[in-house]
Each structure stands twice: as C-alpha cells, then as structure tokens.
C-alpha atoms as a PDB file:
ATOM      1  CA  MET A   1     -33.454-182.841 -10.935  1.00  0.00           C
ATOM      2  CA  GLU A   2     -33.875-179.895 -13.240  1.00  0.00           C
ATOM      3  CA  LEU A   3     -36.622-181.445 -15.358  1.00  0.00           C
ATOM      4  CA  LYS A   4     -38.727-182.320 -12.278  1.00  0.00           C
ATOM      5  CA  LYS A   5     -38.410-178.711 -11.148  1.00  0.00           C
ATOM      6  CA  ALA A   6     -39.643-177.484 -14.515  1.00  0.00           C
ATOM      7  CA  LEU A   7     -42.633-179.850 -14.322  1.00  0.00           C
ATOM      8  CA  ASN A   8     -43.567-178.361 -10.934  1.00  0.00           C
ATOM      9  CA  GLN A   9     -43.218-174.863 -12.371  1.00  0.00           C
ATOM     10  CA  ILE A  10     -45.668-175.604 -15.062  1.00  0.00           C
ATOM     11  CA  GLY A  11     -48.148-176.756 -12.427  1.00  0.00           C
ATOM     12  CA  LEU A  12     -47.962-180.482 -12.507  1.00  0.00           C
ATOM     13  CA  GLU A  13     -48.754-182.419  -9.319  1.00  0.00           C
ATOM     14  CA  GLU A  14     -46.080-184.822  -8.004  1.00  0.00           C
ATOM     15  CA  LYS A  15     -47.840-187.954  -9.436  1.00  0.00           C
ATOM     16  CA  GLU A  16     -48.293-186.221 -12.781  1.00  0.00           C
ATOM     17  CA  ALA A  17     -44.691-185.349 -12.911  1.00  0.00           C
ATOM     18  CA  GLU A  18     -43.758-189.044 -12.041  1.00  0.00           C
ATOM     19  CA  VAL A  19     -46.076-190.423 -14.816  1.00  0.00           C
ATOM     20  CA  TYR A  20     -44.510-188.035 -17.336  1.00  0.00           C
ATOM     21  CA  LEU A  21     -40.964-188.870 -16.301  1.00  0.00           C
ATOM     22  CA  ALA A  22     -41.745-192.625 -16.517  1.00  0.00           C
ATOM     23  CA  ALA A  23     -43.278-192.225 -20.018  1.00  0.00           C
ATOM     24  CA  LEU A  24     -40.336-190.146 -21.150  1.00  0.00           C
ATOM     25  CA  GLU A  25     -37.856-192.664 -20.000  1.00  0.00           C
ATOM     26  CA  LEU A  26     -39.698-195.687 -21.407  1.00  0.00           C
ATOM     27  CA  GLY A  27     -40.465-194.297 -24.799  1.00  0.00           C
ATOM     28  CA  PRO A  28     -43.677-195.734 -26.440  1.00  0.00           C
ATOM     29  CA  ALA A  29     -45.098-197.771 -23.626  1.00  0.00           C
ATOM     30  CA  THR A  30     -48.398-199.214 -22.371  1.00  0.00           C
ATOM     31  CA  ILE A  31     -50.224-197.834 -19.418  1.00  0.00           C
ATOM     32  CA  GLN A  32     -49.336-200.858 -17.450  1.00  0.00           C
ATOM     33  CA  ASP A  33     -45.608-200.267 -18.094  1.00  0.00           C
ATOM     34  CA  ILE A  34     -45.836-196.661 -17.123  1.00  0.00           C
ATOM     35  CA  ALA A  35     -47.720-197.612 -13.870  1.00  0.00           C
ATOM     36  CA  ARG A  36     -44.943-200.080 -13.011  1.00  0.00           C
ATOM     37  CA  LYS A  37     -42.112-197.661 -13.749  1.00  0.00           C
ATOM     38  CA  SER A  38     -43.786-194.734 -11.810  1.00  0.00           C
ATOM     39  CA  GLU A  39     -44.855-197.078  -8.952  1.00  0.00           C
ATOM     40  CA  ILE A  40     -48.283-195.489  -9.123  1.00  0.00           C
ATOM     41  CA  ASN A  41     -51.552-197.398  -9.184  1.00  0.00           C
ATOM     42  CA  ARG A  42     -52.714-198.034 -12.743  1.00  0.00           C
ATOM     43  CA  THR A  43     -56.201-196.506 -12.148  1.00  0.00           C
ATOM     44  CA  THR A  44     -54.520-193.303 -10.949  1.00  0.00           C
ATOM     45  CA  VAL A  45     -52.176-193.392 -14.002  1.00  0.00           C
ATOM     46  CA  TYR A  46     -55.181-193.106 -16.240  1.00  0.00           C
ATOM     47  CA  GLN A  47     -56.305-189.854 -14.659  1.00  0.00           C
ATOM     48  CA  MET A  48     -52.833-188.519 -14.706  1.00  0.00           C
ATOM     49  CA  LEU A  49     -52.477-189.415 -18.371  1.00  0.00           C
ATOM     50  CA  LYS A  50     -55.763-187.639 -19.180  1.00  0.00           C
ATOM     51  CA  ASN A  51     -54.428-184.512 -17.410  1.00  0.00           C
ATOM     52  CA  LEU A  52     -51.092-184.704 -19.166  1.00  0.00           C
ATOM     53  CA  LYS A  53     -52.735-185.269 -22.553  1.00  0.00           C
ATOM     54  CA  SER A  54     -54.892-182.109 -22.117  1.00  0.00           C
ATOM     55  CA  GLN A  55     -51.609-180.118 -21.418  1.00  0.00           C
ATOM     56  CA  GLY A  56     -49.963-181.510 -24.541  1.00  0.00           C
ATOM     57  CA  LEU A  57     -47.353-183.415 -22.621  1.00  0.00           C
ATOM     58  CA  ILE A  58     -48.360-186.893 -23.768  1.00  0.00           C
ATOM     59  CA  SER A  59     -50.016-188.386 -26.839  1.00  0.00           C
ATOM     60  CA  GLU A  60     -51.455-191.722 -27.704  1.00  0.00           C
ATOM     61  CA  THR A  61     -50.897-194.054 -30.578  1.00  0.00           C
ATOM     62  CA  THR A  62     -51.792-197.615 -31.398  1.00  0.00           C
ATOM     63  CA  SER A  63     -49.658-200.622 -32.323  1.00  0.00           C
ATOM     64  CA  GLY A  64     -51.995-203.405 -33.372  1.00  0.00           C
ATOM     65  CA  LYS A  65     -54.510-203.603 -30.607  1.00  0.00           C
ATOM     66  CA  ARG A  66     -52.350-201.918 -27.937  1.00  0.00           C
ATOM     67  CA  LYS A  67     -52.594-198.399 -27.039  1.00  0.00           C
ATOM     68  CA  LEU A  68     -49.104-196.777 -26.484  1.00  0.00           C
ATOM     69  CA  ILE A  69     -48.341-193.568 -24.661  1.00  0.00           C
ATOM     70  CA  LEU A  70     -45.654-191.223 -25.939  1.00  0.00           C
ATOM     71  CA  ALA A  71     -44.226-188.494 -23.847  1.00  0.00           C
ATOM     72  CA  ALA A  72     -43.715-185.080 -25.520  1.00  0.00           C
ATOM     73  CA  GLU A  73     -40.057-183.943 -25.704  1.00  0.00           C
ATOM     74  CA  PRO A  74     -38.943-181.925 -22.699  1.00  0.00           C
ATOM     75  CA  ALA A  75     -38.299-178.966 -25.044  1.00  0.00           C
ATOM     76  CA  ASN A  76     -42.092-178.629 -25.067  1.00  0.00           C
ATOM     77  CA  LEU A  77     -41.984-177.629 -21.451  1.00  0.00           C
ATOM     78  CA  LYS A  78     -40.437-174.255 -22.417  1.00  0.00           C
ATOM     79  CA  ARG A  79     -43.194-173.530 -24.799  1.00  0.00           C
ATOM     80  CA  ILE A  80     -45.890-174.450 -22.215  1.00  0.00           C
ATOM     81  CA  LEU A  81     -44.149-172.178 -19.615  1.00  0.00           C
ATOM     82  CA  LYS A  82     -44.025-169.327 -22.205  1.00  0.00           C
ATOM     83  CA  GLN A  83     -47.728-169.739 -23.143  1.00  0.00           C
ATOM     84  CA  ARG A  84     -48.749-169.735 -19.562  1.00  0.00           C
ATOM     85  CA  SER A  85     -46.728-166.685 -18.621  1.00  0.00           C
ATOM     86  CA  ASN A  86     -48.131-164.839 -21.764  1.00  0.00           C
ATOM     87  CA  CYS A  87     -51.615-165.895 -20.681  1.00  0.00           C
ATOM     88  CA  SER A  88     -51.002-164.673 -17.215  1.00  0.00           C
ATOM     89  CA  ILE A  89     -50.058-161.269 -18.465  1.00  0.00           C
ATOM     90  CA  GLN A  90     -52.796-161.132 -21.164  1.00  0.00           C
ATOM     91  CA  CYS A  91     -55.482-162.418 -18.854  1.00  0.00           C
ATOM     92  CA  PHE A  92     -54.499-159.762 -16.325  1.00  0.00           C
ATOM     93  CA  LEU A  93     -54.805-157.098 -18.925  1.00  0.00           C
ATOM     94  CA  ILE A  94     -58.329-158.005 -19.924  1.00  0.00           C
END
C-alpha cells in the first residue's frame, strides 16, 4: 500500500500508521471506534493520537459531549515530507 509506505517514510511507527489509516477510513470518529478499527488497545491509541496530533496528521473536534478525531488529508504527507527534508538540509548547514 503506497500510503502506508509514505507514512513509514515520514517516520511513523507501525501502530501510529495503523491508527492514522483507521482514522482516515472512518472519518470523524471516537477513540474507541479508532481502537476497534485499528485493532490496537485503546490506551495505546491515546498515545499514538498524541504523537499524530503533534505532527499535524490528526485533529480533534467535539460533537456535543463527544470528542471526535479527524485524520488530515493524505496530501498533507507530501508537505510533511518536504518540511522534513528541508529541515534536514537546513539543520545540517547550521
């Protein structure tokens, strides 16, 4: 799968990639739904979501009292890859 390969290229761990792909497929979803879809323990999913959020790959919203997770569009992966490659070159030059 090409998307999973791109996720690995930007440095996501296997479980992070699975959580992102589950969130992407489900659309706005609860953490419990994402845990079921990805077949990863819910407590682990919380940590994976925290990491993904810090990388700009997911966002959170609320619907009533429920927190919903939204996956960023896969097009953002190209932007992240480009930023990381630019940082690698720029950080090396410093």
